[in-house]
């Protein structure tokens, strides 16, 4: 993870700029967190590092998505449609 040391600092997941969806501002603290598309991050590892899907998924789950490095830790999301979300919730 890299971060900006300015007053409006945030953190980035190194090497995954192509997977950025945007920026989220926490209403309580006004901190800004970078938001990443998890599936796109898997694609980055597959193309850049030659990993297969399962290896890339395991790597990100273990080393990136579960890492907490403070209130500026990036957010990692599963991009879904409204119907995908409804189906996901109904199947839990």
PDB file of N, CA and C in Angstrom:
ATOM      1  N   UNK A   1       0.837  -1.165   0.000  1.00  0.00           N
ATOM      2  CA  UNK A   1       0.000   0.000   0.000  1.00  0.00           C
ATOM      3  C   UNK A   1       0.891   1.241   0.000  1.00  0.00           C
ATOM      4  N   UNK A   2       0.451   2.218  -0.747  1.00  0.00           N
ATOM      5  CA  UNK A   2       1.159   3.488  -0.719  1.00  0.00           C
ATOM      6  C   UNK A   2       0.182   4.564  -0.281  1.00  0.00           C
ATOM      7  N   UNK A   3       0.729   5.626   0.239  1.00  0.00           N
ATOM      8  CA  UNK A   3      -0.158   6.691   0.677  1.00  0.00           C
ATOM      9  C   UNK A   3       0.448   8.046   0.386  1.00  0.00           C
ATOM     10  N   UNK A   4      -0.421   9.037   0.409  1.00  0.00           N
ATOM     11  CA  UNK A   4      -0.060  10.422   0.210  1.00  0.00           C
ATOM     12  C   UNK A   4       0.045  11.040   1.594  1.00  0.00           C
ATOM     13  N   UNK A   5       1.102  11.768   1.855  1.00  0.00           N
ATOM     14  CA  UNK A   5       1.298  12.323   3.189  1.00  0.00           C
ATOM     15  C   UNK A   5       0.719  13.728   3.333  1.00  0.00           C
ATOM     16  N   UNK A   6      -0.016  14.193   2.340  1.00  0.00           N
ATOM     17  CA  UNK A   6      -0.617  15.521   2.434  1.00  0.00           C
ATOM     18  C   UNK A   6      -1.794  15.499   3.403  1.00  0.00           C
ATOM     19  N   UNK A   7      -2.376  16.672   3.636  1.00  0.00           N
ATOM     20  CA  UNK A   7      -3.505  16.794   4.560  1.00  0.00           C
ATOM     21  C   UNK A   7      -4.710  15.988   4.087  1.00  0.00           C
ATOM     22  N   UNK A   8      -4.852  15.798   2.785  1.00  0.00           N
ATOM     23  CA  UNK A   8      -5.975  15.035   2.231  1.00  0.00           C
ATOM     24  C   UNK A   8      -5.515  13.645   1.821  1.00  0.00           C
ATOM     25  N   UNK A   9      -4.736  13.008   2.664  1.00  0.00           N
ATOM     26  CA  UNK A   9      -4.116  11.724   2.348  1.00  0.00           C
ATOM     27  C   UNK A   9      -5.143  10.621   2.130  1.00  0.00           C
ATOM     28  N   UNK A  10      -4.755   9.665   1.335  1.00  0.00           N
ATOM     29  CA  UNK A  10      -5.502   8.431   1.163  1.00  0.00           C
ATOM     30  C   UNK A  10      -4.492   7.347   0.828  1.00  0.00           C
ATOM     31  N   UNK A  11      -4.939   6.107   0.737  1.00  0.00           N
ATOM     32  CA  UNK A  11      -4.038   4.999   0.424  1.00  0.00           C
ATOM     33  C   UNK A  11      -4.449   4.352  -0.883  1.00  0.00           C
ATOM     34  N   UNK A  12      -3.450   3.850  -1.574  1.00  0.00           N
ATOM     35  CA  UNK A  12      -3.664   3.135  -2.824  1.00  0.00           C
ATOM     36  C   UNK A  12      -3.094   1.722  -2.694  1.00  0.00           C
ATOM     37  N   UNK A  13      -3.725   0.770  -3.363  1.00  0.00           N
ATOM     38  CA  UNK A  13      -3.175  -0.578  -3.476  1.00  0.00           C
ATOM     39  C   UNK A  13      -2.186  -0.547  -4.637  1.00  0.00           C
ATOM     40  N   UNK A  14      -0.911  -0.722  -4.337  1.00  0.00           N
ATOM     41  CA  UNK A  14       0.139  -0.607  -5.348  1.00  0.00           C
ATOM     42  C   UNK A  14      -0.096  -1.551  -6.528  1.00  0.00           C
ATOM     43  N   UNK A  15      -0.013  -0.985  -7.727  1.00  0.00           N
ATOM     44  CA  UNK A  15      -0.100  -1.787  -8.940  1.00  0.00           C
ATOM     45  C   UNK A  15      -1.505  -2.038  -9.453  1.00  0.00           C
ATOM     46  N   UNK A  16      -2.494  -1.435  -8.819  1.00  0.00           N
ATOM     47  CA  UNK A  16      -3.882  -1.713  -9.209  1.00  0.00           C
ATOM     48  C   UNK A  16      -4.648  -0.461  -9.636  1.00  0.00           C
ATOM     49  N   UNK A  17      -3.950   0.541 -10.140  1.00  0.00           N
ATOM     50  CA  UNK A  17      -4.612   1.775 -10.564  1.00  0.00           C
ATOM     51  C   UNK A  17      -5.707   1.518 -11.596  1.00  0.00           C
ATOM     52  N   UNK A  18      -5.509   0.533 -12.476  1.00  0.00           N
ATOM     53  CA  UNK A  18      -6.512   0.233 -13.506  1.00  0.00           C
ATOM     54  C   UNK A  18      -7.809  -0.308 -12.917  1.00  0.00           C
ATOM     55  N   UNK A  19      -7.790  -0.753 -11.669  1.00  0.00           N
ATOM     56  CA  UNK A  19      -8.979  -1.333 -11.043  1.00  0.00           C
ATOM     57  C   UNK A  19      -9.721  -0.328 -10.153  1.00  0.00           C
ATOM     58  N   UNK A  20      -9.286   0.917 -10.143  1.00  0.00           N
ATOM     59  CA  UNK A  20      -9.947   1.921  -9.312  1.00  0.00           C
ATOM     60  C   UNK A  20     -11.309   2.267  -9.894  1.00  0.00           C
ATOM     61  N   UNK A  21     -12.313   2.244  -9.010  1.00  0.00           N
ATOM     62  CA  UNK A  21     -13.663   2.665  -9.395  1.00  0.00           C
ATOM     63  C   UNK A  21     -13.904   4.127  -9.045  1.00  0.00           C
ATOM     64  N   UNK A  22     -13.310   4.579  -7.950  1.00  0.00           N
ATOM     65  CA  UNK A  22     -13.520   5.953  -7.525  1.00  0.00           C
ATOM     66  C   UNK A  22     -13.054   6.182  -6.115  1.00  0.00           C
ATOM     67  N   UNK A  23     -13.654   7.177  -5.498  1.00  0.00           N
ATOM     68  CA  UNK A  23     -13.271   7.612  -4.167  1.00  0.00           C
ATOM     69  C   UNK A  23     -14.521   7.699  -3.308  1.00  0.00           C
ATOM     70  N   UNK A  24     -14.420   7.233  -2.073  1.00  0.00           N
ATOM     71  CA  UNK A  24     -15.539   7.273  -1.131  1.00  0.00           C
ATOM     72  C   UNK A  24     -15.132   8.144   0.054  1.00  0.00           C
ATOM     73  N   UNK A  25     -16.023   9.041   0.447  1.00  0.00           N
ATOM     74  CA  UNK A  25     -15.757   9.897   1.591  1.00  0.00           C
ATOM     75  C   UNK A  25     -16.631   9.446   2.752  1.00  0.00           C
ATOM     76  N   UNK A  26     -15.998   9.134   3.868  1.00  0.00           N
ATOM     77  CA  UNK A  26     -16.724   8.734   5.067  1.00  0.00           C
ATOM     78  C   UNK A  26     -17.433   9.960   5.635  1.00  0.00           C
ATOM     79  N   UNK A  27     -18.763   9.899   5.794  1.00  0.00           N
ATOM     80  CA  UNK A  27     -19.483  11.073   6.284  1.00  0.00           C
ATOM     81  C   UNK A  27     -19.125  11.468   7.721  1.00  0.00           C
ATOM     82  N   UNK A  28     -18.738  10.527   8.553  1.00  0.00           N
ATOM     83  CA  UNK A  28     -18.422  10.827   9.945  1.00  0.00           C
ATOM     84  C   UNK A  28     -17.041  11.475  10.100  1.00  0.00           C
ATOM     85  N   UNK A  29     -16.055  10.963   9.383  1.00  0.00           N
ATOM     86  CA  UNK A  29     -14.676  11.427   9.582  1.00  0.00           C
ATOM     87  C   UNK A  29     -14.145  12.284   8.437  1.00  0.00           C
ATOM     88  N   UNK A  30     -14.858  12.294   7.322  1.00  0.00           N
ATOM     89  CA  UNK A  30     -14.444  13.007   6.103  1.00  0.00           C
ATOM     90  C   UNK A  30     -13.170  12.423   5.488  1.00  0.00           C
ATOM     91  N   UNK A  31     -12.754  11.230   5.927  1.00  0.00           N
ATOM     92  CA  UNK A  31     -11.605  10.582   5.291  1.00  0.00           C
ATOM     93  C   UNK A  31     -12.029  10.078   3.919  1.00  0.00           C
ATOM     94  N   UNK A  32     -11.074  10.067   3.016  1.00  0.00           N
ATOM     95  CA  UNK A  32     -11.330   9.625   1.660  1.00  0.00           C
ATOM     96  C   UNK A  32     -10.646   8.283   1.435  1.00  0.00           C
ATOM     97  N   UNK A  33     -11.409   7.325   0.895  1.00  0.00           N
ATOM     98  CA  UNK A  33     -10.872   5.990   0.668  1.00  0.00           C
ATOM     99  C   UNK A  33     -11.051   5.620  -0.800  1.00  0.00           C
ATOM    100  N   UNK A  34      -9.994   5.088  -1.381  1.00  0.00           N
ATOM    101  CA  UNK A  34     -10.035   4.648  -2.769  1.00  0.00           C
ATOM    102  C   UNK A  34     -10.841   3.352  -2.838  1.00  0.00           C
ATOM    103  N   UNK A  35     -11.664   3.217  -3.876  1.00  0.00           N
ATOM    104  CA  UNK A  35     -12.529   2.058  -4.057  1.00  0.00           C
ATOM    105  C   UNK A  35     -12.065   1.280  -5.288  1.00  0.00           C
ATOM    106  N   UNK A  36     -11.865  -0.030  -5.108  1.00  0.00           N
ATOM    107  CA  UNK A  36     -11.373  -0.905  -6.178  1.00  0.00           C
ATOM    108  C   UNK A  36     -12.398  -1.970  -6.546  1.00  0.00           C
ATOM    109  N   UNK A  37     -12.397  -2.341  -7.813  1.00  0.00           N
ATOM    110  CA  UNK A  37     -13.195  -3.444  -8.344  1.00  0.00           C
ATOM    111  C   UNK A  37     -12.391  -4.737  -8.134  1.00  0.00           C
ATOM    112  N   UNK A  38     -12.897  -5.620  -7.289  1.00  0.00           N
ATOM    113  CA  UNK A  38     -12.172  -6.850  -6.956  1.00  0.00           C
ATOM    114  C   UNK A  38     -11.919  -7.732  -8.185  1.00  0.00           C
ATOM    115  N   UNK A  39     -12.907  -7.863  -9.041  1.00  0.00           N
ATOM    116  CA  UNK A  39     -12.742  -8.720 -10.225  1.00  0.00           C
ATOM    117  C   UNK A  39     -11.680  -8.152 -11.173  1.00  0.00           C
ATOM    118  N   UNK A  40     -11.657  -6.839 -11.279  1.00  0.00           N
ATOM    119  CA  UNK A  40     -10.640  -6.204 -12.126  1.00  0.00           C
ATOM    120  C   UNK A  40      -9.243  -6.406 -11.531  1.00  0.00           C
ATOM    121  N   UNK A  41      -9.135  -6.407 -10.205  1.00  0.00           N
ATOM    122  CA  UNK A  41      -7.845  -6.658  -9.562  1.00  0.00           C
ATOM    123  C   UNK A  41      -7.352  -8.066  -9.885  1.00  0.00           C
ATOM    124  N   UNK A  42      -8.271  -9.021  -9.900  1.00  0.00           N
ATOM    125  CA  UNK A  42      -7.905 -10.391 -10.288  1.00  0.00           C
ATOM    126  C   UNK A  42      -7.383 -10.394 -11.718  1.00  0.00           C
ATOM    127  N   UNK A  43      -8.068  -9.683 -12.608  1.00  0.00           N
ATOM    128  CA  UNK A  43      -7.628  -9.601 -14.005  1.00  0.00           C
ATOM    129  C   UNK A  43      -6.240  -8.996 -14.129  1.00  0.00           C
ATOM    130  N   UNK A  44      -5.938  -7.981 -13.309  1.00  0.00           N
ATOM    131  CA  UNK A  44      -4.610  -7.366 -13.330  1.00  0.00           C
ATOM    132  C   UNK A  44      -3.541  -8.409 -13.012  1.00  0.00           C
ATOM    133  N   UNK A  45      -3.749  -9.198 -11.958  1.00  0.00           N
ATOM    134  CA  UNK A  45      -2.757 -10.222 -11.595  1.00  0.00           C
ATOM    135  C   UNK A  45      -2.634 -11.301 -12.665  1.00  0.00           C
ATOM    136  N   UNK A  46      -3.738 -11.651 -13.276  1.00  0.00           N
ATOM    137  CA  UNK A  46      -3.697 -12.670 -14.325  1.00  0.00           C
ATOM    138  C   UNK A  46      -2.890 -12.182 -15.525  1.00  0.00           C
ATOM    139  N   UNK A  47      -3.108 -10.944 -15.929  1.00  0.00           N
ATOM    140  CA  UNK A  47      -2.400 -10.401 -17.095  1.00  0.00           C
ATOM    141  C   UNK A  47      -0.972 -10.015 -16.771  1.00  0.00           C
ATOM    142  N   UNK A  48      -0.777  -9.296 -15.679  1.00  0.00           N
ATOM    143  CA  UNK A  48       0.540  -8.770 -15.341  1.00  0.00           C
ATOM    144  C   UNK A  48       1.489  -9.846 -14.828  1.00  0.00           C
ATOM    145  N   UNK A  49       0.972 -10.727 -13.949  1.00  0.00           N
ATOM    146  CA  UNK A  49       1.840 -11.688 -13.274  1.00  0.00           C
ATOM    147  C   UNK A  49       1.666 -13.119 -13.769  1.00  0.00           C
ATOM    148  N   UNK A  50       0.746 -13.329 -14.719  1.00  0.00           N
ATOM    149  CA  UNK A  50       0.558 -14.663 -15.277  1.00  0.00           C
ATOM    150  C   UNK A  50      -0.098 -15.655 -14.331  1.00  0.00           C
ATOM    151  N   UNK A  51      -0.815 -15.164 -13.326  1.00  0.00           N
ATOM    152  CA  UNK A  51      -1.487 -16.066 -12.381  1.00  0.00           C
ATOM    153  C   UNK A  51      -2.764 -16.602 -12.999  1.00  0.00           C
ATOM    154  N   UNK A  52      -3.152 -17.812 -12.587  1.00  0.00           N
ATOM    155  CA  UNK A  52      -4.482 -18.286 -12.972  1.00  0.00           C
ATOM    156  C   UNK A  52      -5.491 -17.651 -12.018  1.00  0.00           C
ATOM    157  N   UNK A  53      -6.774 -17.805 -12.332  1.00  0.00           N
ATOM    158  CA  UNK A  53      -7.823 -17.127 -11.572  1.00  0.00           C
ATOM    159  C   UNK A  53      -7.773 -17.483 -10.085  1.00  0.00           C
ATOM    160  N   UNK A  54      -7.711 -18.771  -9.774  1.00  0.00           N
ATOM    161  CA  UNK A  54      -7.745 -19.195  -8.371  1.00  0.00           C
ATOM    162  C   UNK A  54      -6.540 -18.700  -7.578  1.00  0.00           C
ATOM    163  N   UNK A  55      -5.369 -18.692  -8.200  1.00  0.00           N
ATOM    164  CA  UNK A  55      -4.166 -18.211  -7.526  1.00  0.00           C
ATOM    165  C   UNK A  55      -4.267 -16.708  -7.256  1.00  0.00           C
ATOM    166  N   UNK A  56      -4.743 -15.959  -8.243  1.00  0.00           N
ATOM    167  CA  UNK A  56      -4.908 -14.511  -8.076  1.00  0.00           C
ATOM    168  C   UNK A  56      -5.931 -14.216  -6.980  1.00  0.00           C
ATOM    169  N   UNK A  57      -7.048 -14.939  -6.982  1.00  0.00           N
ATOM    170  CA  UNK A  57      -8.081 -14.756  -5.966  1.00  0.00           C
ATOM    171  C   UNK A  57      -7.522 -15.032  -4.574  1.00  0.00           C
ATOM    172  N   UNK A  58      -6.833 -16.152  -4.418  1.00  0.00           N
ATOM    173  CA  UNK A  58      -6.259 -16.509  -3.117  1.00  0.00           C
ATOM    174  C   UNK A  58      -5.231 -15.472  -2.665  1.00  0.00           C
ATOM    175  N   UNK A  59      -4.391 -15.023  -3.580  1.00  0.00           N
ATOM    176  CA  UNK A  59      -3.391 -14.020  -3.242  1.00  0.00           C
ATOM    177  C   UNK A  59      -4.052 -12.746  -2.717  1.00  0.00           C
ATOM    178  N   UNK A  60      -5.049 -12.252  -3.440  1.00  0.00           N
ATOM    179  CA  UNK A  60      -5.716 -11.007  -3.035  1.00  0.00           C
ATOM    180  C   UNK A  60      -6.491 -11.173  -1.737  1.00  0.00           C
ATOM    181  N   UNK A  61      -7.165 -12.299  -1.574  1.00  0.00           N
ATOM    182  CA  UNK A  61      -7.899 -12.541  -0.326  1.00  0.00           C
ATOM    183  C   UNK A  61      -6.962 -12.548   0.870  1.00  0.00           C
ATOM    184  N   UNK A  62      -5.813 -13.168   0.708  1.00  0.00           N
ATOM    185  CA  UNK A  62      -4.881 -13.328   1.819  1.00  0.00           C
ATOM    186  C   UNK A  62      -4.032 -12.074   2.074  1.00  0.00           C
ATOM    187  N   UNK A  63      -3.616 -11.390   1.010  1.00  0.00           N
ATOM    188  CA  UNK A  63      -2.622 -10.321   1.143  1.00  0.00           C
ATOM    189  C   UNK A  63      -3.152  -8.895   1.015  1.00  0.00           C
ATOM    190  N   UNK A  64      -4.330  -8.742   0.450  1.00  0.00           N
ATOM    191  CA  UNK A  64      -4.781  -7.386   0.143  1.00  0.00           C
ATOM    192  C   UNK A  64      -6.148  -7.082   0.739  1.00  0.00           C
ATOM    193  N   UNK A  65      -7.157  -7.833   0.372  1.00  0.00           N
ATOM    194  CA  UNK A  65      -8.523  -7.517   0.761  1.00  0.00           C
ATOM    195  C   UNK A  65      -8.768  -7.612   2.258  1.00  0.00           C
ATOM    196  N   UNK A  66      -8.032  -8.429   2.960  1.00  0.00           N
ATOM    197  CA  UNK A  66      -8.232  -8.578   4.405  1.00  0.00           C
ATOM    198  C   UNK A  66      -7.278  -7.720   5.231  1.00  0.00           C
ATOM    199  N   UNK A  67      -6.388  -6.988   4.562  1.00  0.00           N
ATOM    200  CA  UNK A  67      -5.431  -6.141   5.279  1.00  0.00           C
ATOM    201  C   UNK A  67      -6.121  -4.872   5.757  1.00  0.00           C
ATOM    202  N   UNK A  68      -5.945  -4.546   7.016  1.00  0.00           N
ATOM    203  CA  UNK A  68      -6.434  -3.277   7.550  1.00  0.00           C
ATOM    204  C   UNK A  68      -5.220  -2.466   7.973  1.00  0.00           C
ATOM    205  N   UNK A  69      -5.055  -1.312   7.355  1.00  0.00           N
ATOM    206  CA  UNK A  69      -3.895  -0.473   7.657  1.00  0.00           C
ATOM    207  C   UNK A  69      -4.330   0.920   8.108  1.00  0.00           C
ATOM    208  N   UNK A  70      -5.454   0.957   8.812  1.00  0.00           N
ATOM    209  CA  UNK A  70      -5.950   2.215   9.343  1.00  0.00           C
ATOM    210  C   UNK A  70      -7.196   2.695   8.626  1.00  0.00           C
ATOM    211  N   UNK A  71      -7.670   3.860   9.035  1.00  0.00           N
ATOM    212  CA  UNK A  71      -8.942   4.354   8.520  1.00  0.00           C
ATOM    213  C   UNK A  71      -8.898   4.731   7.048  1.00  0.00           C
ATOM    214  N   UNK A  72      -7.723   4.788   6.462  1.00  0.00           N
ATOM    215  CA  UNK A  72      -7.604   5.096   5.035  1.00  0.00           C
ATOM    216  C   UNK A  72      -7.456   3.851   4.170  1.00  0.00           C
ATOM    217  N   UNK A  73      -7.592   2.673   4.781  1.00  0.00           N
ATOM    218  CA  UNK A  73      -7.501   1.425   4.024  1.00  0.00           C
ATOM    219  C   UNK A  73      -8.474   1.473   2.854  1.00  0.00           C
ATOM    220  N   UNK A  74      -8.015   1.124   1.647  1.00  0.00           N
ATOM    221  CA  UNK A  74      -8.920   1.118   0.498  1.00  0.00           C
ATOM    222  C   UNK A  74     -10.100   0.168   0.703  1.00  0.00           C
ATOM    223  N   UNK A  75     -11.152   0.412  -0.052  1.00  0.00           N
ATOM    224  CA  UNK A  75     -12.331  -0.451  -0.065  1.00  0.00           C
ATOM    225  C   UNK A  75     -12.278  -1.309  -1.321  1.00  0.00           C
ATOM    226  N   UNK A  76     -12.664  -2.562  -1.189  1.00  0.00           N
ATOM    227  CA  UNK A  76     -12.655  -3.505  -2.304  1.00  0.00           C
ATOM    228  C   UNK A  76     -14.068  -4.034  -2.475  1.00  0.00           C
ATOM    229  N   UNK A  77     -14.643  -3.843  -3.658  1.00  0.00           N
ATOM    230  CA  UNK A  77     -16.049  -4.180  -3.853  1.00  0.00           C
ATOM    231  C   UNK A  77     -16.240  -5.175  -4.995  1.00  0.00           C
ATOM    232  N   UNK A  78     -17.327  -5.931  -4.853  1.00  0.00           N
ATOM    233  CA  UNK A  78     -17.823  -6.778  -5.929  1.00  0.00           C
ATOM    234  C   UNK A  78     -18.824  -5.924  -6.698  1.00  0.00           C
ATOM    235  N   UNK A  79     -18.525  -5.604  -7.942  1.00  0.00           N
ATOM    236  CA  UNK A  79     -19.422  -4.785  -8.746  1.00  0.00           C
ATOM    237  C   UNK A  79     -20.612  -5.652  -9.153  1.00  0.00           C
ATOM    238  N   UNK A  80     -21.825  -5.169  -8.835  1.00  0.00           N
ATOM    239  CA  UNK A  80     -23.037  -5.942  -9.079  1.00  0.00           C
ATOM    240  C   UNK A  80     -24.160  -5.031  -9.541  1.00  0.00           C
ATOM    241  N   UNK A  81     -25.110  -5.612 -10.247  1.00  0.00           N
ATOM    242  CA  UNK A  81     -26.344  -4.916 -10.579  1.00  0.00           C
ATOM    243  C   UNK A  81     -27.303  -5.075  -9.399  1.00  0.00           C
ATOM    244  N   UNK A  82     -28.402  -4.343  -9.431  1.00  0.00           N
ATOM    245  CA  UNK A  82     -29.405  -4.456  -8.368  1.00  0.00           C
ATOM    246  C   UNK A  82     -29.950  -5.877  -8.288  1.00  0.00           C
ATOM    247  N   UNK A  83     -30.189  -6.508  -9.434  1.00  0.00           N
ATOM    248  CA  UNK A  83     -30.705  -7.885  -9.408  1.00  0.00           C
ATOM    249  C   UNK A  83     -29.660  -8.863  -8.882  1.00  0.00           C
ATOM    250  N   UNK A  84     -28.374  -8.620  -9.193  1.00  0.00           N
ATOM    251  CA  UNK A  84     -27.303  -9.465  -8.645  1.00  0.00           C
ATOM    252  C   UNK A  84     -27.273  -9.375  -7.119  1.00  0.00           C
ATOM    253  N   UNK A  85     -27.434  -8.165  -6.601  1.00  0.00           N
ATOM    254  CA  UNK A  85     -27.409  -7.963  -5.147  1.00  0.00           C
ATOM    255  C   UNK A  85     -28.590  -8.660  -4.491  1.00  0.00           C
ATOM    256  N   UNK A  86     -29.768  -8.505  -5.077  1.00  0.00           N
ATOM    257  CA  UNK A  86     -30.956  -9.157  -4.532  1.00  0.00           C
ATOM    258  C   UNK A  86     -30.783 -10.669  -4.515  1.00  0.00           C
ATOM    259  N   UNK A  87     -30.277 -11.220  -5.599  1.00  0.00           N
ATOM    260  CA  UNK A  87     -30.054 -12.674  -5.674  1.00  0.00           C
ATOM    261  C   UNK A  87     -29.010 -13.111  -4.653  1.00  0.00           C
ATOM    262  N   UNK A  88     -27.954 -12.335  -4.504  1.00  0.00           N
ATOM    263  CA  UNK A  88     -26.906 -12.671  -3.541  1.00  0.00           C
ATOM    264  C   UNK A  88     -27.464 -12.692  -2.113  1.00  0.00           C
ATOM    265  N   UNK A  89     -28.246 -11.696  -1.778  1.00  0.00           N
ATOM    266  CA  UNK A  89     -28.840 -11.618  -0.426  1.00  0.00           C
ATOM    267  C   UNK A  89     -29.828 -12.758  -0.207  1.00  0.00           C
ATOM    268  N   UNK A  90     -30.644 -13.042  -1.211  1.00  0.00           N
ATOM    269  CA  UNK A  90     -31.647 -14.123  -1.087  1.00  0.00           C
ATOM    270  C   UNK A  90     -31.011 -15.501  -0.931  1.00  0.00           C
ATOM    271  N   UNK A  91     -29.789 -15.678  -1.448  1.00  0.00           N
ATOM    272  CA  UNK A  91     -29.117 -16.970  -1.403  1.00  0.00           C
ATOM    273  C   UNK A  91     -28.257 -17.156  -0.166  1.00  0.00           C
ATOM    274  N   UNK A  92     -28.274 -16.214   0.730  1.00  0.00           N
ATOM    275  CA  UNK A  92     -27.455 -16.355   1.945  1.00  0.00           C
ATOM    276  C   UNK A  92     -28.240 -17.001   3.048  1.00  0.00           C
TER     277      UNK A  92
END
